[in-house]
Amino acid sequence: MGKNVLRTELLETDTLFGLHVFSDNMSMNQLLLLLRALHFAKIPKQNAEAPKDQLHKVRSKLISSMHNYLKYITQDERLDESMIVWHE
């Protein structure tokens, strides 16, 4: 396939690598965060059927986070007089 590039090589300034886009525009921490977020999937074969649910890989996390948000929204919240700022 292709050459496996080390993460540190992406920020090298040597002309051998020729990838000045990363080293000129972002720090190492930003690059590592970006690489952590990227996901490269296999290309499906021509006869393979595409999954109907496009969120099938993250569906469980999405549902659990939605339940957490709903739990916090529906909780009974009360305000005390000391919490309210009064202006005259």
PDB file of N, CA and C in Angstrom:
ATOM      1  N   MET A   1       0.853  -1.173   0.000  1.00  0.00           N
ATOM      2  CA  MET A   1       0.000   0.000   0.000  1.00  0.00           C
ATOM      3  C   MET A   1       0.899   1.235   0.000  1.00  0.00           C
ATOM      4  N   GLY A   2       0.890   2.020   1.046  1.00  0.00           N
ATOM      5  CA  GLY A   2       1.704   3.227   1.097  1.00  0.00           C
ATOM      6  C   GLY A   2       2.673   3.170   2.251  1.00  0.00           C
ATOM      7  N   LYS A   3       3.507   4.170   2.309  1.00  0.00           N
ATOM      8  CA  LYS A   3       4.481   4.252   3.386  1.00  0.00           C
ATOM      9  C   LYS A   3       3.796   4.735   4.654  1.00  0.00           C
ATOM     10  N   ASN A   4       4.082   4.085   5.761  1.00  0.00           N
ATOM     11  CA  ASN A   4       3.560   4.536   7.045  1.00  0.00           C
ATOM     12  C   ASN A   4       4.394   5.718   7.518  1.00  0.00           C
ATOM     13  N   VAL A   5       3.756   6.846   7.686  1.00  0.00           N
ATOM     14  CA  VAL A   5       4.440   8.066   8.093  1.00  0.00           C
ATOM     15  C   VAL A   5       4.289   8.227   9.598  1.00  0.00           C
ATOM     16  N   LEU A   6       5.408   8.471  10.276  1.00  0.00           N
ATOM     17  CA  LEU A   6       5.357   8.733  11.704  1.00  0.00           C
ATOM     18  C   LEU A   6       4.754  10.107  11.948  1.00  0.00           C
ATOM     19  N   ARG A   7       4.115  10.263  13.090  1.00  0.00           N
ATOM     20  CA  ARG A   7       3.481  11.545  13.395  1.00  0.00           C
ATOM     21  C   ARG A   7       4.499  12.672  13.478  1.00  0.00           C
ATOM     22  N   THR A   8       5.674  12.371  13.987  1.00  0.00           N
ATOM     23  CA  THR A   8       6.685  13.423  14.111  1.00  0.00           C
ATOM     24  C   THR A   8       7.217  13.837  12.744  1.00  0.00           C
ATOM     25  N   GLU A   9       7.160  12.951  11.768  1.00  0.00           N
ATOM     26  CA  GLU A   9       7.644  13.286  10.437  1.00  0.00           C
ATOM     27  C   GLU A   9       6.752  14.311   9.749  1.00  0.00           C
ATOM     28  N   LEU A  10       5.499  14.406  10.159  1.00  0.00           N
ATOM     29  CA  LEU A  10       4.596  15.361   9.531  1.00  0.00           C
ATOM     30  C   LEU A  10       4.978  16.798   9.847  1.00  0.00           C
ATOM     31  N   LEU A  11       5.681  17.019  10.956  1.00  0.00           N
ATOM     32  CA  LEU A  11       6.086  18.369  11.330  1.00  0.00           C
ATOM     33  C   LEU A  11       7.549  18.658  11.028  1.00  0.00           C
ATOM     34  N   GLU A  12       8.231  17.757  10.370  1.00  0.00           N
ATOM     35  CA  GLU A  12       9.632  17.981  10.024  1.00  0.00           C
ATOM     36  C   GLU A  12       9.747  19.149   9.047  1.00  0.00           C
ATOM     37  N   THR A  13      10.820  19.895   9.175  1.00  0.00           N
ATOM     38  CA  THR A  13      11.048  21.025   8.275  1.00  0.00           C
ATOM     39  C   THR A  13      12.022  20.667   7.159  1.00  0.00           C
ATOM     40  N   ASP A  14      12.512  19.458   7.155  1.00  0.00           N
ATOM     41  CA  ASP A  14      13.442  19.023   6.118  1.00  0.00           C
ATOM     42  C   ASP A  14      12.716  18.982   4.772  1.00  0.00           C
ATOM     43  N   THR A  15      13.387  19.411   3.716  1.00  0.00           N
ATOM     44  CA  THR A  15      12.758  19.422   2.394  1.00  0.00           C
ATOM     45  C   THR A  15      12.527  18.022   1.857  1.00  0.00           C
ATOM     46  N   LEU A  16      13.142  17.026   2.462  1.00  0.00           N
ATOM     47  CA  LEU A  16      12.954  15.648   2.027  1.00  0.00           C
ATOM     48  C   LEU A  16      11.499  15.219   2.181  1.00  0.00           C
ATOM     49  N   PHE A  17      10.867  15.676   3.245  1.00  0.00           N
ATOM     50  CA  PHE A  17       9.485  15.264   3.493  1.00  0.00           C
ATOM     51  C   PHE A  17       8.501  16.081   2.665  1.00  0.00           C
ATOM     52  N   GLY A  18       8.736  17.354   2.510  1.00  0.00           N
ATOM     53  CA  GLY A  18       7.889  18.184   1.667  1.00  0.00           C
ATOM     54  C   GLY A  18       6.480  18.386   2.187  1.00  0.00           C
ATOM     55  N   LEU A  19       6.260  18.220   3.473  1.00  0.00           N
ATOM     56  CA  LEU A  19       4.931  18.403   4.052  1.00  0.00           C
ATOM     57  C   LEU A  19       4.930  19.651   4.930  1.00  0.00           C
ATOM     58  N   HIS A  20       5.167  20.795   4.331  1.00  0.00           N
ATOM     59  CA  HIS A  20       5.255  22.033   5.101  1.00  0.00           C
ATOM     60  C   HIS A  20       3.889  22.537   5.537  1.00  0.00           C
ATOM     61  N   VAL A  21       2.838  21.957   5.026  1.00  0.00           N
ATOM     62  CA  VAL A  21       1.486  22.396   5.391  1.00  0.00           C
ATOM     63  C   VAL A  21       1.271  22.244   6.885  1.00  0.00           C
ATOM     64  N   PHE A  22       1.686  21.122   7.438  1.00  0.00           N
ATOM     65  CA  PHE A  22       1.460  20.865   8.853  1.00  0.00           C
ATOM     66  C   PHE A  22       2.379  21.697   9.736  1.00  0.00           C
ATOM     67  N   SER A  23       3.663  21.729   9.413  1.00  0.00           N
ATOM     68  CA  SER A  23       4.614  22.439  10.275  1.00  0.00           C
ATOM     69  C   SER A  23       4.434  23.953  10.217  1.00  0.00           C
ATOM     70  N   ASP A  24       3.938  24.482   9.114  1.00  0.00           N
ATOM     71  CA  ASP A  24       3.742  25.928   9.000  1.00  0.00           C
ATOM     72  C   ASP A  24       2.466  26.403   9.676  1.00  0.00           C
ATOM     73  N   ASN A  25       1.481  25.552   9.805  1.00  0.00           N
ATOM     74  CA  ASN A  25       0.158  26.009  10.227  1.00  0.00           C
ATOM     75  C   ASN A  25      -0.328  25.492  11.572  1.00  0.00           C
ATOM     76  N   MET A  26       0.336  24.525  12.169  1.00  0.00           N
ATOM     77  CA  MET A  26      -0.175  24.013  13.441  1.00  0.00           C
ATOM     78  C   MET A  26       0.946  23.482  14.313  1.00  0.00           C
ATOM     79  N   SER A  27       0.656  23.423  15.604  1.00  0.00           N
ATOM     80  CA  SER A  27       1.623  22.885  16.553  1.00  0.00           C
ATOM     81  C   SER A  27       1.499  21.365  16.595  1.00  0.00           C
ATOM     82  N   MET A  28       2.424  20.743  17.297  1.00  0.00           N
ATOM     83  CA  MET A  28       2.408  19.284  17.416  1.00  0.00           C
ATOM     84  C   MET A  28       1.147  18.814  18.141  1.00  0.00           C
ATOM     85  N   ASN A  29       0.731  19.535  19.188  1.00  0.00           N
ATOM     86  CA  ASN A  29      -0.474  19.142  19.922  1.00  0.00           C
ATOM     87  C   ASN A  29      -1.707  19.213  19.040  1.00  0.00           C
ATOM     88  N   GLN A  30      -1.811  20.256  18.218  1.00  0.00           N
ATOM     89  CA  GLN A  30      -2.954  20.372  17.319  1.00  0.00           C
ATOM     90  C   GLN A  30      -2.962  19.240  16.302  1.00  0.00           C
ATOM     91  N   LEU A  31      -1.793  18.898  15.789  1.00  0.00           N
ATOM     92  CA  LEU A  31      -1.710  17.814  14.819  1.00  0.00           C
ATOM     93  C   LEU A  31      -2.105  16.487  15.447  1.00  0.00           C
ATOM     94  N   LEU A  32      -1.649  16.234  16.658  1.00  0.00           N
ATOM     95  CA  LEU A  32      -1.997  14.979  17.323  1.00  0.00           C
ATOM     96  C   LEU A  32      -3.491  14.896  17.610  1.00  0.00           C
ATOM     97  N   LEU A  33      -4.119  16.010  17.980  1.00  0.00           N
ATOM     98  CA  LEU A  33      -5.567  16.018  18.182  1.00  0.00           C
ATOM     99  C   LEU A  33      -6.305  15.745  16.879  1.00  0.00           C
ATOM    100  N   LEU A  34      -5.818  16.330  15.801  1.00  0.00           N
ATOM    101  CA  LEU A  34      -6.434  16.104  14.500  1.00  0.00           C
ATOM    102  C   LEU A  34      -6.297  14.651  14.067  1.00  0.00           C
ATOM    103  N   LEU A  35      -5.119  14.081  14.245  1.00  0.00           N
ATOM    104  CA  LEU A  35      -4.904  12.690  13.855  1.00  0.00           C
ATOM    105  C   LEU A  35      -5.719  11.733  14.710  1.00  0.00           C
ATOM    106  N   ARG A  36      -5.969  12.097  15.965  1.00  0.00           N
ATOM    107  CA  ARG A  36      -6.779  11.254  16.831  1.00  0.00           C
ATOM    108  C   ARG A  36      -8.239  11.247  16.376  1.00  0.00           C
ATOM    109  N   ALA A  37      -8.686  12.369  15.802  1.00  0.00           N
ATOM    110  CA  ALA A  37     -10.081  12.486  15.387  1.00  0.00           C
ATOM    111  C   ALA A  37     -10.340  11.880  14.007  1.00  0.00           C
ATOM    112  N   LEU A  38      -9.319  11.788  13.180  1.00  0.00           N
ATOM    113  CA  LEU A  38      -9.511  11.240  11.838  1.00  0.00           C
ATOM    114  C   LEU A  38      -9.722   9.737  11.893  1.00  0.00           C
ATOM    115  N   HIS A  39     -10.560   9.262  11.014  1.00  0.00           N
ATOM    116  CA  HIS A  39     -10.820   7.827  10.941  1.00  0.00           C
ATOM    117  C   HIS A  39     -10.851   7.444   9.469  1.00  0.00           C
ATOM    118  N   PHE A  40     -10.013   6.512   9.103  1.00  0.00           N
ATOM    119  CA  PHE A  40      -9.973   6.054   7.731  1.00  0.00           C
ATOM    120  C   PHE A  40     -10.630   4.686   7.661  1.00  0.00           C
ATOM    121  N   ALA A  41     -11.692   4.597   6.891  1.00  0.00           N
ATOM    122  CA  ALA A  41     -12.446   3.353   6.778  1.00  0.00           C
ATOM    123  C   ALA A  41     -12.053   2.633   5.499  1.00  0.00           C
ATOM    124  N   LYS A  42     -12.307   1.345   5.489  1.00  0.00           N
ATOM    125  CA  LYS A  42     -12.054   0.563   4.289  1.00  0.00           C
ATOM    126  C   LYS A  42     -13.069   0.945   3.218  1.00  0.00           C
ATOM    127  N   ILE A  43     -12.627   0.935   1.991  1.00  0.00           N
ATOM    128  CA  ILE A  43     -13.529   1.212   0.882  1.00  0.00           C
ATOM    129  C   ILE A  43     -14.353  -0.051   0.636  1.00  0.00           C
ATOM    130  N   PRO A  44     -15.685   0.058   0.630  1.00  0.00           N
ATOM    131  CA  PRO A  44     -16.496  -1.144   0.421  1.00  0.00           C
ATOM    132  C   PRO A  44     -16.322  -1.685  -0.992  1.00  0.00           C
ATOM    133  N   LYS A  45     -16.449  -2.974  -1.120  1.00  0.00           N
ATOM    134  CA  LYS A  45     -16.336  -3.603  -2.436  1.00  0.00           C
ATOM    135  C   LYS A  45     -17.544  -3.222  -3.275  1.00  0.00           C
ATOM    136  N   GLN A  46     -17.432  -3.422  -4.568  1.00  0.00           N
ATOM    137  CA  GLN A  46     -18.492  -2.986  -5.474  1.00  0.00           C
ATOM    138  C   GLN A  46     -19.810  -3.709  -5.210  1.00  0.00           C
ATOM    139  N   ASN A  47     -19.760  -4.982  -4.903  1.00  0.00           N
ATOM    140  CA  ASN A  47     -20.983  -5.749  -4.706  1.00  0.00           C
ATOM    141  C   ASN A  47     -21.491  -5.675  -3.272  1.00  0.00           C
ATOM    142  N   ALA A  48     -20.708  -5.103  -2.378  1.00  0.00           N
ATOM    143  CA  ALA A  48     -21.111  -5.044  -0.974  1.00  0.00           C
ATOM    144  C   ALA A  48     -22.217  -4.003  -0.799  1.00  0.00           C
ATOM    145  N   GLU A  49     -23.131  -4.322   0.084  1.00  0.00           N
ATOM    146  CA  GLU A  49     -24.243  -3.417   0.346  1.00  0.00           C
ATOM    147  C   GLU A  49     -23.824  -2.407   1.412  1.00  0.00           C
ATOM    148  N   ALA A  50     -24.088  -1.154   1.169  1.00  0.00           N
ATOM    149  CA  ALA A  50     -23.730  -0.107   2.130  1.00  0.00           C
ATOM    150  C   ALA A  50     -24.653  -0.200   3.339  1.00  0.00           C
ATOM    151  N   PRO A  51     -24.133   0.058   4.543  1.00  0.00           N
ATOM    152  CA  PRO A  51     -25.004   0.013   5.724  1.00  0.00           C
ATOM    153  C   PRO A  51     -26.067   1.104   5.641  1.00  0.00           C
ATOM    154  N   LYS A  52     -27.291   0.743   6.005  1.00  0.00           N
ATOM    155  CA  LYS A  52     -28.395   1.702   5.923  1.00  0.00           C
ATOM    156  C   LYS A  52     -28.299   2.741   7.034  1.00  0.00           C
ATOM    157  N   ASP A  53     -27.778   2.335   8.171  1.00  0.00           N
ATOM    158  CA  ASP A  53     -27.594   3.265   9.280  1.00  0.00           C
ATOM    159  C   ASP A  53     -26.174   3.810   9.212  1.00  0.00           C
ATOM    160  N   GLN A  54     -26.040   5.054   8.813  1.00  0.00           N
ATOM    161  CA  GLN A  54     -24.706   5.624   8.645  1.00  0.00           C
ATOM    162  C   GLN A  54     -24.020   5.917   9.969  1.00  0.00           C
ATOM    163  N   LEU A  55     -24.766   5.910  11.049  1.00  0.00           N
ATOM    164  CA  LEU A  55     -24.185   6.153  12.368  1.00  0.00           C
ATOM    165  C   LEU A  55     -24.004   4.866  13.151  1.00  0.00           C
ATOM    166  N   HIS A  56     -23.929   3.733  12.476  1.00  0.00           N
ATOM    167  CA  HIS A  56     -23.901   2.452  13.188  1.00  0.00           C
ATOM    168  C   HIS A  56     -22.692   2.303  14.105  1.00  0.00           C
ATOM    169  N   LYS A  57     -21.600   2.989  13.819  1.00  0.00           N
ATOM    170  CA  LYS A  57     -20.409   2.858  14.663  1.00  0.00           C
ATOM    171  C   LYS A  57     -20.495   3.698  15.929  1.00  0.00           C
ATOM    172  N   VAL A  58     -21.236   4.778  15.888  1.00  0.00           N
ATOM    173  CA  VAL A  58     -21.305   5.676  17.037  1.00  0.00           C
ATOM    174  C   VAL A  58     -22.699   5.753  17.648  1.00  0.00           C
ATOM    175  N   ARG A  59     -23.609   4.923  17.189  1.00  0.00           N
ATOM    176  CA  ARG A  59     -24.998   4.995  17.644  1.00  0.00           C
ATOM    177  C   ARG A  59     -25.111   4.810  19.161  1.00  0.00           C
ATOM    178  N   SER A  60     -24.393   3.848  19.740  1.00  0.00           N
ATOM    179  CA  SER A  60     -24.514   3.589  21.179  1.00  0.00           C
ATOM    180  C   SER A  60     -24.019   4.783  22.002  1.00  0.00           C
ATOM    181  N   LYS A  61     -22.905   5.388  21.610  1.00  0.00           N
ATOM    182  CA  LYS A  61     -22.392   6.562  22.326  1.00  0.00           C
ATOM    183  C   LYS A  61     -23.334   7.752  22.175  1.00  0.00           C
ATOM    184  N   LEU A  62     -23.905   7.907  21.001  1.00  0.00           N
ATOM    185  CA  LEU A  62     -24.821   9.005  20.750  1.00  0.00           C
ATOM    186  C   LEU A  62     -26.070   8.886  21.613  1.00  0.00           C
ATOM    187  N   ILE A  63     -26.616   7.698  21.705  1.00  0.00           N
ATOM    188  CA  ILE A  63     -27.819   7.479  22.512  1.00  0.00           C
ATOM    189  C   ILE A  63     -27.526   7.698  23.988  1.00  0.00           C
ATOM    190  N   SER A  64     -26.386   7.195  24.466  1.00  0.00           N
ATOM    191  CA  SER A  64     -26.067   7.376  25.884  1.00  0.00           C
ATOM    192  C   SER A  64     -25.838   8.847  26.227  1.00  0.00           C
ATOM    193  N   SER A  65     -25.207   9.600  25.338  1.00  0.00           N
ATOM    194  CA  SER A  65     -25.009  11.026  25.616  1.00  0.00           C
ATOM    195  C   SER A  65     -26.327  11.784  25.556  1.00  0.00           C
ATOM    196  N   MET A  66     -27.238  11.384  24.670  1.00  0.00           N
ATOM    197  CA  MET A  66     -28.550  12.030  24.618  1.00  0.00           C
ATOM    198  C   MET A  66     -29.321  11.783  25.906  1.00  0.00           C
ATOM    199  N   HIS A  67     -29.227  10.574  26.453  1.00  0.00           N
ATOM    200  CA  HIS A  67     -29.902  10.274  27.711  1.00  0.00           C
ATOM    201  C   HIS A  67     -29.312  11.099  28.853  1.00  0.00           C
ATOM    202  N   ASN A  68     -27.999  11.299  28.844  1.00  0.00           N
ATOM    203  CA  ASN A  68     -27.370  12.121  29.884  1.00  0.00           C
ATOM    204  C   ASN A  68     -27.851  13.565  29.809  1.00  0.00           C
ATOM    205  N   TYR A  69     -27.939  14.111  28.596  1.00  0.00           N
ATOM    206  CA  TYR A  69     -28.414  15.483  28.448  1.00  0.00           C
ATOM    207  C   TYR A  69     -29.866  15.606  28.894  1.00  0.00           C
ATOM    208  N   LEU A  70     -30.690  14.646  28.535  1.00  0.00           N
ATOM    209  CA  LEU A  70     -32.093  14.698  28.930  1.00  0.00           C
ATOM    210  C   LEU A  70     -32.241  14.597  30.440  1.00  0.00           C
ATOM    211  N   LYS A  71     -31.373  13.805  31.064  1.00  0.00           N
ATOM    212  CA  LYS A  71     -31.440  13.655  32.512  1.00  0.00           C
ATOM    213  C   LYS A  71     -31.155  14.993  33.193  1.00  0.00           C
ATOM    214  N   TYR A  72     -30.169  15.724  32.707  1.00  0.00           N
ATOM    215  CA  TYR A  72     -29.838  17.001  33.325  1.00  0.00           C
ATOM    216  C   TYR A  72     -30.892  18.071  33.028  1.00  0.00           C
ATOM    217  N   ILE A  73     -31.508  18.004  31.881  1.00  0.00           N
ATOM    218  CA  ILE A  73     -32.512  19.003  31.531  1.00  0.00           C
ATOM    219  C   ILE A  73     -33.776  18.816  32.360  1.00  0.00           C
ATOM    220  N   THR A  74     -34.167  17.588  32.614  1.00  0.00           N
ATOM    221  CA  THR A  74     -35.435  17.339  33.296  1.00  0.00           C
ATOM    222  C   THR A  74     -35.315  17.316  34.811  1.00  0.00           C
ATOM    223  N   GLN A  75     -34.124  17.475  35.361  1.00  0.00           N
ATOM    224  CA  GLN A  75     -33.988  17.480  36.812  1.00  0.00           C
ATOM    225  C   GLN A  75     -34.671  18.715  37.393  1.00  0.00           C
ATOM    226  N   ASP A  76     -35.224  18.557  38.586  1.00  0.00           N
ATOM    227  CA  ASP A  76     -35.832  19.698  39.269  1.00  0.00           C
ATOM    228  C   ASP A  76     -34.731  20.625  39.752  1.00  0.00           C
ATOM    229  N   GLU A  77     -34.831  21.853  39.348  1.00  0.00           N
ATOM    230  CA  GLU A  77     -33.841  22.831  39.766  1.00  0.00           C
ATOM    231  C   GLU A  77     -34.543  23.928  40.548  1.00  0.00           C
ATOM    232  N   ARG A  78     -33.910  24.358  41.607  1.00  0.00           N
ATOM    233  CA  ARG A  78     -34.489  25.397  42.450  1.00  0.00           C
ATOM    234  C   ARG A  78     -33.483  26.520  42.626  1.00  0.00           C
ATOM    235  N   LEU A  79     -34.000  27.707  42.685  1.00  0.00           N
ATOM    236  CA  LEU A  79     -33.159  28.876  42.906  1.00  0.00           C
ATOM    237  C   LEU A  79     -33.382  29.397  44.312  1.00  0.00           C
ATOM    238  N   ASP A  80     -32.307  29.682  44.966  1.00  0.00           N
ATOM    239  CA  ASP A  80     -32.357  30.273  46.293  1.00  0.00           C
ATOM    240  C   ASP A  80     -32.239  31.787  46.143  1.00  0.00           C
ATOM    241  N   GLU A  81     -32.723  32.537  47.119  1.00  0.00           N
ATOM    242  CA  GLU A  81     -32.640  33.991  47.044  1.00  0.00           C
ATOM    243  C   GLU A  81     -31.201  34.484  46.956  1.00  0.00           C
ATOM    244  N   SER A  82     -30.293  33.774  47.561  1.00  0.00           N
ATOM    245  CA  SER A  82     -28.894  34.206  47.538  1.00  0.00           C
ATOM    246  C   SER A  82     -28.255  34.005  46.166  1.00  0.00           C
ATOM    247  N   MET A  83     -28.874  33.217  45.315  1.00  0.00           N
ATOM    248  CA  MET A  83     -28.325  32.968  43.986  1.00  0.00           C
ATOM    249  C   MET A  83     -28.738  34.038  42.983  1.00  0.00           C
ATOM    250  N   ILE A  84     -29.767  34.803  43.294  1.00  0.00           N
ATOM    251  CA  ILE A  84     -30.291  35.794  42.365  1.00  0.00           C
ATOM    252  C   ILE A  84     -29.694  37.156  42.696  1.00  0.00           C
ATOM    253  N   VAL A  85     -29.180  37.816  41.684  1.00  0.00           N
ATOM    254  CA  VAL A  85     -28.608  39.146  41.859  1.00  0.00           C
ATOM    255  C   VAL A  85     -29.729  40.165  41.705  1.00  0.00           C
ATOM    256  N   TRP A  86     -29.866  41.024  42.698  1.00  0.00           N
ATOM    257  CA  TRP A  86     -30.916  42.038  42.667  1.00  0.00           C
ATOM    258  C   TRP A  86     -30.320  43.372  42.251  1.00  0.00           C
ATOM    259  N   HIS A  87     -30.960  44.029  41.308  1.00  0.00           N
ATOM    260  CA  HIS A  87     -30.537  45.361  40.872  1.00  0.00           C
ATOM    261  C   HIS A  87     -31.640  46.354  41.212  1.00  0.00           C
ATOM    262  N   GLU A  88     -31.252  47.516  41.701  1.00  0.00           N
ATOM    263  CA  GLU A  88     -32.252  48.550  42.015  1.00  0.00           C
ATOM    264  C   GLU A  88     -32.195  49.673  41.032  1.00  0.00           C
TER     265      GLU A  88
END
